Amino acid sequence: MTDTVDVPIIAAAAPVYAHPGDAGADLTAAEAVRLEPGERALVGTGVRIALPDGHVAFVVPRSGLAAKHGITIVNAPGTVDAGYRGEIKVSLLNTDAREAFDVAVGDRIAQLIVMPVPPVRFLPVDTLPDSSRGEGGFGSTGYSSTQGVRA
């Protein structure tokens, strides 16, 4: 895909892609925060954007922070609608039961993914068309306890 989407931005440090082809651009902390075990905090990024209509931005966790330190995002993915013009903030959570985690100004704390979203019309009906999944929900595809993975 070669099309680009222009997103006006106000930021001291604009989000950057770590590698060519990455889906998420890194968001950095604009403030220092200490997260005690089990604590959450809303951390500012200093980034304000103007998404074009028909687009959304998702704020998602960084896998390295989650794997190494137990840091995740409470409402992942966080949704930034096209009409929002305020600062993008990240609701970080320290899931580690023993260790505090310090966020310094400039630390990469989340990723921002911008995607197109089509306009949707919800059409009230009395019944829905059949599908191969049907009404199967949580756990409906099974679980193999001997392998520890979904079957």
N, C-alpha and C. Protein backbone atom coordinates (compact mmCIF):
# COMPACT_ATOMS: atom_id res chain seq x y z
N MET A 1 0.85 -1.17 0.00
CA MET A 1 0.00 0.00 0.00
C MET A 1 0.90 1.24 0.00
N THR A 2 0.64 2.14 -0.91
CA THR A 2 1.46 3.34 -1.02
C THR A 2 0.73 4.61 -0.62
N ASP A 3 -0.58 4.52 -0.39
CA ASP A 3 -1.33 5.70 0.01
C ASP A 3 -0.94 6.12 1.41
N THR A 4 -0.90 7.41 1.63
CA THR A 4 -0.64 7.93 2.97
C THR A 4 -1.82 8.79 3.40
N VAL A 5 -1.94 8.97 4.70
CA VAL A 5 -2.97 9.82 5.27
C VAL A 5 -2.26 10.94 6.00
N ASP A 6 -2.58 12.18 5.64
CA ASP A 6 -1.99 13.32 6.33
C ASP A 6 -2.75 13.57 7.62
N VAL A 7 -2.02 13.62 8.74
CA VAL A 7 -2.61 13.86 10.05
C VAL A 7 -1.94 15.08 10.66
N PRO A 8 -2.63 16.23 10.68
CA PRO A 8 -2.06 17.39 11.36
C PRO A 8 -1.79 17.07 12.83
N ILE A 9 -0.67 17.56 13.34
CA ILE A 9 -0.26 17.19 14.70
C ILE A 9 0.36 18.38 15.41
N ILE A 10 0.09 18.47 16.71
CA ILE A 10 0.77 19.41 17.60
C ILE A 10 1.47 18.54 18.63
N ALA A 11 2.80 18.59 18.66
CA ALA A 11 3.54 17.74 19.59
C ALA A 11 4.98 18.21 19.68
N ALA A 12 5.54 18.10 20.88
CA ALA A 12 6.97 18.37 21.05
C ALA A 12 7.78 17.27 20.38
N ALA A 13 7.27 16.04 20.47
CA ALA A 13 7.92 14.89 19.83
C ALA A 13 6.84 14.09 19.11
N ALA A 14 6.84 14.15 17.78
CA ALA A 14 5.84 13.43 17.00
C ALA A 14 6.07 11.92 17.12
N PRO A 15 4.99 11.13 17.07
CA PRO A 15 5.15 9.67 17.07
C PRO A 15 6.02 9.25 15.88
N VAL A 16 6.86 8.26 16.10
CA VAL A 16 7.72 7.75 15.03
C VAL A 16 7.56 6.24 14.93
N TYR A 17 7.77 5.74 13.72
CA TYR A 17 7.76 4.31 13.48
C TYR A 17 9.18 3.79 13.69
N ALA A 18 9.32 2.75 14.50
CA ALA A 18 10.65 2.20 14.79
C ALA A 18 11.26 1.53 13.57
N HIS A 19 10.42 0.90 12.75
CA HIS A 19 10.91 0.17 11.58
C HIS A 19 10.00 0.42 10.39
N PRO A 20 10.54 0.39 9.18
CA PRO A 20 9.68 0.54 8.01
C PRO A 20 8.62 -0.57 8.01
N GLY A 21 7.40 -0.19 7.69
CA GLY A 21 6.32 -1.17 7.63
C GLY A 21 5.61 -1.42 8.95
N ASP A 22 6.09 -0.85 10.06
CA ASP A 22 5.42 -1.02 11.35
C ASP A 22 4.01 -0.43 11.28
N ALA A 23 3.08 -1.06 11.98
CA ALA A 23 1.70 -0.57 12.04
C ALA A 23 1.55 0.54 13.06
N GLY A 24 2.30 0.45 14.17
CA GLY A 24 2.17 1.41 15.26
C GLY A 24 3.34 2.35 15.36
N ALA A 25 3.05 3.63 15.56
CA ALA A 25 4.07 4.63 15.80
C ALA A 25 4.18 4.85 17.31
N ASP A 26 5.39 4.96 17.81
CA ASP A 26 5.61 5.07 19.25
C ASP A 26 5.16 6.41 19.81
N LEU A 27 4.40 6.34 20.91
CA LEU A 27 4.04 7.52 21.69
C LEU A 27 4.95 7.56 22.90
N THR A 28 5.42 8.76 23.25
CA THR A 28 6.32 8.90 24.39
C THR A 28 5.65 9.71 25.50
N ALA A 29 6.13 9.49 26.71
CA ALA A 29 5.60 10.19 27.87
C ALA A 29 6.06 11.64 27.88
N ALA A 30 5.14 12.54 28.18
CA ALA A 30 5.47 13.96 28.31
C ALA A 30 5.63 14.34 29.77
N GLU A 31 5.48 13.36 30.66
CA GLU A 31 5.60 13.61 32.09
C GLU A 31 6.16 12.36 32.77
N ALA A 32 6.82 12.58 33.89
CA ALA A 32 7.37 11.47 34.67
C ALA A 32 6.31 10.97 35.64
N VAL A 33 6.22 9.64 35.76
CA VAL A 33 5.23 9.01 36.64
C VAL A 33 5.86 7.78 37.25
N ARG A 34 5.56 7.53 38.52
CA ARG A 34 5.96 6.29 39.17
C ARG A 34 4.70 5.45 39.37
N LEU A 35 4.72 4.22 38.84
CA LEU A 35 3.60 3.30 38.99
C LEU A 35 3.98 2.23 40.01
N GLU A 36 3.35 2.29 41.16
CA GLU A 36 3.56 1.27 42.18
C GLU A 36 2.87 -0.02 41.73
N PRO A 37 3.19 -1.16 42.32
CA PRO A 37 2.53 -2.41 41.94
C PRO A 37 1.00 -2.28 42.00
N GLY A 38 0.34 -2.67 40.91
CA GLY A 38 -1.11 -2.62 40.83
C GLY A 38 -1.69 -1.24 40.58
N GLU A 39 -0.85 -0.22 40.47
CA GLU A 39 -1.32 1.15 40.31
C GLU A 39 -1.49 1.50 38.83
N ARG A 40 -2.43 2.41 38.57
CA ARG A 40 -2.62 2.92 37.21
C ARG A 40 -2.51 4.44 37.25
N ALA A 41 -2.15 5.01 36.08
CA ALA A 41 -2.03 6.46 35.98
C ALA A 41 -2.30 6.88 34.55
N LEU A 42 -2.90 8.04 34.41
CA LEU A 42 -3.14 8.63 33.10
C LEU A 42 -1.92 9.47 32.76
N VAL A 43 -1.19 9.07 31.72
CA VAL A 43 0.09 9.69 31.37
C VAL A 43 -0.06 10.48 30.07
N GLY A 44 0.26 11.76 30.13
CA GLY A 44 0.17 12.61 28.95
C GLY A 44 1.30 12.32 27.97
N THR A 45 0.98 12.50 26.68
CA THR A 45 1.99 12.33 25.62
C THR A 45 2.37 13.65 24.98
N GLY A 46 1.59 14.70 25.24
CA GLY A 46 1.84 15.98 24.60
C GLY A 46 1.43 16.00 23.13
N VAL A 47 0.78 14.95 22.66
CA VAL A 47 0.40 14.83 21.25
C VAL A 47 -1.08 15.15 21.09
N ARG A 48 -1.36 16.05 20.14
CA ARG A 48 -2.73 16.35 19.73
C ARG A 48 -2.77 16.20 18.22
N ILE A 49 -3.80 15.50 17.72
CA ILE A 49 -3.90 15.27 16.28
C ILE A 49 -5.28 15.63 15.76
N ALA A 50 -5.37 15.80 14.46
CA ALA A 50 -6.64 16.03 13.78
C ALA A 50 -6.78 14.96 12.70
N LEU A 51 -7.40 13.86 13.09
CA LEU A 51 -7.61 12.78 12.11
C LEU A 51 -8.63 13.21 11.07
N PRO A 52 -8.43 12.79 9.83
CA PRO A 52 -9.46 13.08 8.83
C PRO A 52 -10.71 12.24 9.11
N ASP A 53 -11.87 12.75 8.70
CA ASP A 53 -13.09 11.96 8.83
C ASP A 53 -12.89 10.60 8.17
N GLY A 54 -13.51 9.58 8.76
CA GLY A 54 -13.38 8.24 8.22
C GLY A 54 -12.15 7.51 8.73
N HIS A 55 -11.48 8.08 9.74
CA HIS A 55 -10.29 7.43 10.31
C HIS A 55 -10.40 7.41 11.84
N VAL A 56 -9.70 6.49 12.45
CA VAL A 56 -9.63 6.36 13.90
C VAL A 56 -8.18 6.06 14.25
N ALA A 57 -7.78 6.43 15.44
CA ALA A 57 -6.46 6.04 15.95
C ALA A 57 -6.68 5.17 17.18
N PHE A 58 -5.93 4.09 17.27
CA PHE A 58 -5.99 3.21 18.43
C PHE A 58 -4.68 3.33 19.21
N VAL A 59 -4.79 3.49 20.52
CA VAL A 59 -3.62 3.52 21.41
C VAL A 59 -3.49 2.12 22.00
N VAL A 60 -2.37 1.47 21.70
CA VAL A 60 -2.19 0.07 22.11
C VAL A 60 -0.90 -0.09 22.91
N PRO A 61 -0.84 -1.15 23.74
CA PRO A 61 0.35 -1.38 24.57
C PRO A 61 1.59 -1.70 23.73
N ARG A 62 2.74 -1.49 24.33
CA ARG A 62 4.02 -1.91 23.75
C ARG A 62 4.34 -3.29 24.31
N SER A 63 4.63 -4.23 23.45
CA SER A 63 4.84 -5.61 23.88
C SER A 63 6.04 -5.75 24.82
N GLY A 64 7.09 -4.98 24.59
CA GLY A 64 8.28 -5.06 25.44
C GLY A 64 8.00 -4.62 26.87
N LEU A 65 7.23 -3.54 27.04
CA LEU A 65 6.87 -3.08 28.38
C LEU A 65 6.02 -4.13 29.10
N ALA A 66 5.12 -4.75 28.36
CA ALA A 66 4.25 -5.77 28.96
C ALA A 66 5.06 -7.00 29.37
N ALA A 67 5.91 -7.48 28.48
CA ALA A 67 6.66 -8.71 28.75
C ALA A 67 7.74 -8.53 29.81
N LYS A 68 8.43 -7.41 29.77
CA LYS A 68 9.56 -7.20 30.68
C LYS A 68 9.17 -6.61 32.04
N HIS A 69 8.10 -5.78 32.05
CA HIS A 69 7.77 -5.04 33.27
C HIS A 69 6.32 -5.16 33.72
N GLY A 70 5.48 -5.83 32.94
CA GLY A 70 4.07 -5.95 33.31
C GLY A 70 3.28 -4.67 33.13
N ILE A 71 3.76 -3.77 32.27
CA ILE A 71 3.07 -2.50 32.03
C ILE A 71 2.14 -2.65 30.83
N THR A 72 0.87 -2.33 31.04
CA THR A 72 -0.10 -2.44 29.96
C THR A 72 -1.00 -1.21 29.98
N ILE A 73 -2.00 -1.21 29.11
CA ILE A 73 -2.94 -0.10 29.03
C ILE A 73 -4.30 -0.61 29.49
N VAL A 74 -4.90 0.12 30.43
CA VAL A 74 -6.15 -0.32 31.04
C VAL A 74 -7.26 -0.49 30.01
N ASN A 75 -7.44 0.45 29.14
CA ASN A 75 -8.55 0.42 28.18
C ASN A 75 -8.09 0.05 26.77
N ALA A 76 -7.12 -0.84 26.67
CA ALA A 76 -6.56 -1.15 25.36
C ALA A 76 -7.57 -1.89 24.49
N PRO A 77 -7.71 -1.51 23.23
CA PRO A 77 -7.09 -0.30 22.69
C PRO A 77 -7.90 0.94 23.05
N GLY A 78 -7.19 2.01 23.33
CA GLY A 78 -7.84 3.29 23.52
C GLY A 78 -8.23 3.85 22.16
N THR A 79 -9.37 4.45 22.07
CA THR A 79 -9.88 4.94 20.79
C THR A 79 -9.79 6.46 20.73
N VAL A 80 -9.16 6.96 19.66
CA VAL A 80 -9.12 8.40 19.40
C VAL A 80 -9.99 8.64 18.17
N ASP A 81 -11.12 9.28 18.37
CA ASP A 81 -12.04 9.56 17.27
C ASP A 81 -11.57 10.74 16.44
N ALA A 82 -12.06 10.81 15.20
CA ALA A 82 -11.64 11.85 14.28
C ALA A 82 -11.95 13.26 14.79
N GLY A 83 -13.00 13.42 15.57
CA GLY A 83 -13.37 14.74 16.05
C GLY A 83 -12.64 15.20 17.30
N TYR A 84 -11.86 14.31 17.94
CA TYR A 84 -11.17 14.66 19.18
C TYR A 84 -9.94 15.50 18.89
N ARG A 85 -9.77 16.60 19.64
CA ARG A 85 -8.63 17.49 19.43
C ARG A 85 -7.77 17.67 20.68
N GLY A 86 -8.10 16.97 21.75
CA GLY A 86 -7.33 17.11 22.98
C GLY A 86 -6.06 16.27 22.95
N GLU A 87 -5.31 16.36 24.04
CA GLU A 87 -4.07 15.60 24.18
C GLU A 87 -4.38 14.11 24.28
N ILE A 88 -3.58 13.32 23.61
CA ILE A 88 -3.69 11.87 23.73
C ILE A 88 -3.00 11.47 25.02
N LYS A 89 -3.75 10.84 25.91
CA LYS A 89 -3.20 10.36 27.17
C LYS A 89 -3.33 8.85 27.21
N VAL A 90 -2.44 8.22 27.95
CA VAL A 90 -2.39 6.76 28.01
C VAL A 90 -2.65 6.32 29.45
N SER A 91 -3.63 5.45 29.63
CA SER A 91 -3.98 4.94 30.95
C SER A 91 -3.14 3.68 31.24
N LEU A 92 -1.94 3.90 31.79
CA LEU A 92 -1.01 2.80 32.06
C LEU A 92 -1.36 2.08 33.36
N LEU A 93 -1.10 0.79 33.37
CA LEU A 93 -1.33 -0.05 34.55
C LEU A 93 -0.10 -0.91 34.79
N ASN A 94 0.38 -0.92 36.03
CA ASN A 94 1.50 -1.79 36.43
C ASN A 94 0.90 -3.07 37.00
N THR A 95 0.99 -4.16 36.23
CA THR A 95 0.42 -5.44 36.68
C THR A 95 1.40 -6.23 37.53
N ASP A 96 2.62 -5.76 37.68
CA ASP A 96 3.60 -6.46 38.51
C ASP A 96 3.18 -6.36 39.98
N ALA A 97 3.18 -7.48 40.68
CA ALA A 97 2.73 -7.51 42.07
C ALA A 97 3.80 -7.04 43.05
N ARG A 98 5.07 -6.93 42.60
CA ARG A 98 6.16 -6.61 43.53
C ARG A 98 6.95 -5.36 43.20
N GLU A 99 7.15 -5.07 41.92
CA GLU A 99 8.06 -4.00 41.52
C GLU A 99 7.32 -2.76 41.02
N ALA A 100 7.76 -1.60 41.50
CA ALA A 100 7.28 -0.33 40.95
C ALA A 100 7.94 -0.11 39.59
N PHE A 101 7.36 0.77 38.79
CA PHE A 101 7.93 1.08 37.48
C PHE A 101 7.93 2.59 37.30
N ASP A 102 9.08 3.13 36.93
CA ASP A 102 9.21 4.56 36.70
C ASP A 102 9.14 4.88 35.22
N VAL A 103 8.26 5.80 34.87
CA VAL A 103 8.15 6.32 33.51
C VAL A 103 8.83 7.67 33.50
N ALA A 104 9.81 7.84 32.63
CA ALA A 104 10.52 9.11 32.49
C ALA A 104 10.02 9.85 31.25
N VAL A 105 10.16 11.16 31.26
CA VAL A 105 9.82 11.95 30.08
C VAL A 105 10.62 11.42 28.90
N GLY A 106 9.93 11.17 27.80
CA GLY A 106 10.58 10.66 26.60
C GLY A 106 10.54 9.15 26.45
N ASP A 107 10.14 8.42 27.51
CA ASP A 107 10.02 6.96 27.40
C ASP A 107 8.89 6.60 26.44
N ARG A 108 9.12 5.57 25.65
CA ARG A 108 8.07 5.05 24.77
C ARG A 108 7.09 4.26 25.62
N ILE A 109 5.82 4.69 25.64
CA ILE A 109 4.85 4.08 26.54
C ILE A 109 3.68 3.39 25.83
N ALA A 110 3.49 3.65 24.55
CA ALA A 110 2.38 3.07 23.81
C ALA A 110 2.66 3.22 22.32
N GLN A 111 1.76 2.64 21.53
CA GLN A 111 1.84 2.82 20.09
C GLN A 111 0.51 3.35 19.58
N LEU A 112 0.58 4.13 18.51
CA LEU A 112 -0.60 4.72 17.90
C LEU A 112 -0.78 4.11 16.51
N ILE A 113 -1.94 3.51 16.29
CA ILE A 113 -2.26 2.90 15.00
C ILE A 113 -3.41 3.68 14.39
N VAL A 114 -3.23 4.20 13.19
CA VAL A 114 -4.26 4.95 12.48
C VAL A 114 -4.85 4.05 11.40
N MET A 115 -6.19 3.99 11.39
CA MET A 115 -6.87 3.10 10.44
C MET A 115 -8.10 3.78 9.85
N PRO A 116 -8.44 3.41 8.61
CA PRO A 116 -9.71 3.89 8.06
C PRO A 116 -10.87 3.11 8.69
N VAL A 117 -11.98 3.78 8.85
CA VAL A 117 -13.20 3.13 9.32
C VAL A 117 -14.35 3.58 8.44
N PRO A 118 -15.08 2.63 7.89
CA PRO A 118 -16.20 3.02 7.02
C PRO A 118 -17.38 3.52 7.85
N PRO A 119 -18.17 4.39 7.28
CA PRO A 119 -19.41 4.75 7.98
C PRO A 119 -20.32 3.53 8.02
N VAL A 120 -21.01 3.37 9.13
CA VAL A 120 -21.86 2.20 9.32
C VAL A 120 -23.28 2.66 9.62
N ARG A 121 -24.24 1.97 9.04
CA ARG A 121 -25.65 2.18 9.38
C ARG A 121 -26.12 0.91 10.08
N PHE A 122 -26.67 1.06 11.25
CA PHE A 122 -27.23 -0.09 11.95
C PHE A 122 -28.68 -0.23 11.53
N LEU A 123 -29.03 -1.42 11.00
CA LEU A 123 -30.36 -1.66 10.47
C LEU A 123 -31.11 -2.63 11.38
N PRO A 124 -32.11 -2.16 12.11
CA PRO A 124 -32.87 -3.05 12.98
C PRO A 124 -33.58 -4.13 12.15
N VAL A 125 -33.45 -5.39 12.60
CA VAL A 125 -34.10 -6.53 11.95
C VAL A 125 -34.65 -7.46 13.04
N ASP A 126 -35.49 -8.39 12.65
CA ASP A 126 -36.03 -9.35 13.61
C ASP A 126 -35.12 -10.56 13.80
N THR A 127 -34.38 -10.94 12.75
CA THR A 127 -33.46 -12.07 12.83
C THR A 127 -32.19 -11.73 12.06
N LEU A 128 -31.12 -12.43 12.41
CA LEU A 128 -29.85 -12.25 11.72
C LEU A 128 -29.59 -13.43 10.80
N PRO A 129 -28.82 -13.24 9.74
CA PRO A 129 -28.48 -14.37 8.86
C PRO A 129 -27.61 -15.38 9.63
N ASP A 130 -27.70 -16.65 9.24
CA ASP A 130 -26.90 -17.70 9.86
C ASP A 130 -25.41 -17.50 9.53
N SER A 131 -24.55 -18.07 10.37
CA SER A 131 -23.12 -18.09 10.11
C SER A 131 -22.57 -19.41 10.64
N SER A 132 -21.35 -19.75 10.26
CA SER A 132 -20.76 -21.00 10.74
C SER A 132 -20.50 -20.94 12.24
N ARG A 133 -20.27 -19.79 12.80
CA ARG A 133 -20.02 -19.66 14.24
C ARG A 133 -21.32 -19.61 15.04
N GLY A 134 -22.31 -18.97 14.48
CA GLY A 134 -23.57 -18.86 15.20
C GLY A 134 -23.43 -18.00 16.44
N GLU A 135 -24.01 -18.45 17.56
CA GLU A 135 -23.98 -17.69 18.80
C GLU A 135 -22.83 -18.08 19.71
N GLY A 136 -21.90 -18.90 19.23
CA GLY A 136 -20.76 -19.33 20.05
C GLY A 136 -19.92 -18.14 20.46
N GLY A 137 -19.67 -18.02 21.77
CA GLY A 137 -18.91 -16.89 22.29
C GLY A 137 -17.66 -17.35 23.01
N PHE A 138 -17.44 -16.81 24.19
CA PHE A 138 -16.23 -17.07 24.97
C PHE A 138 -16.01 -18.57 25.14
N GLY A 139 -14.85 -19.05 24.68
CA GLY A 139 -14.50 -20.45 24.85
C GLY A 139 -15.20 -21.40 23.90
N SER A 140 -15.94 -20.88 22.95
CA SER A 140 -16.73 -21.75 22.08
C SER A 140 -15.89 -22.59 21.13
N THR A 141 -14.62 -22.20 20.92
CA THR A 141 -13.78 -23.00 20.03
C THR A 141 -12.99 -24.05 20.79
N GLY A 142 -13.17 -24.12 22.10
CA GLY A 142 -12.53 -25.17 22.89
C GLY A 142 -11.19 -24.76 23.45
N TYR A 143 -10.71 -25.59 24.37
CA TYR A 143 -9.43 -25.33 25.03
C TYR A 143 -8.80 -26.67 25.36
N SER A 144 -7.53 -26.82 25.07
CA SER A 144 -6.82 -28.05 25.37
C SER A 144 -5.93 -27.82 26.57
N SER A 145 -6.31 -28.37 27.75
CA SER A 145 -5.54 -28.12 28.97
C SER A 145 -4.18 -28.84 28.92
N THR A 146 -4.04 -29.87 28.11
CA THR A 146 -2.75 -30.56 28.04
C THR A 146 -1.73 -29.77 27.26
N GLN A 147 -2.19 -28.95 26.33
CA GLN A 147 -1.26 -28.16 25.52
C GLN A 147 -1.23 -26.71 25.96
N GLY A 148 -2.22 -26.27 26.72
CA GLY A 148 -2.25 -24.87 27.17
C GLY A 148 -2.56 -23.88 26.07
N VAL A 149 -3.13 -24.35 24.98
CA VAL A 149 -3.50 -23.47 23.88
C VAL A 149 -4.90 -23.78 23.43
N ARG A 150 -5.49 -22.86 22.72
CA ARG A 150 -6.84 -23.07 22.18
C ARG A 150 -6.79 -24.14 21.11
N ALA A 151 -7.79 -24.96 21.11
CA ALA A 151 -7.90 -26.01 20.09
C ALA A 151 -8.54 -25.47 18.85
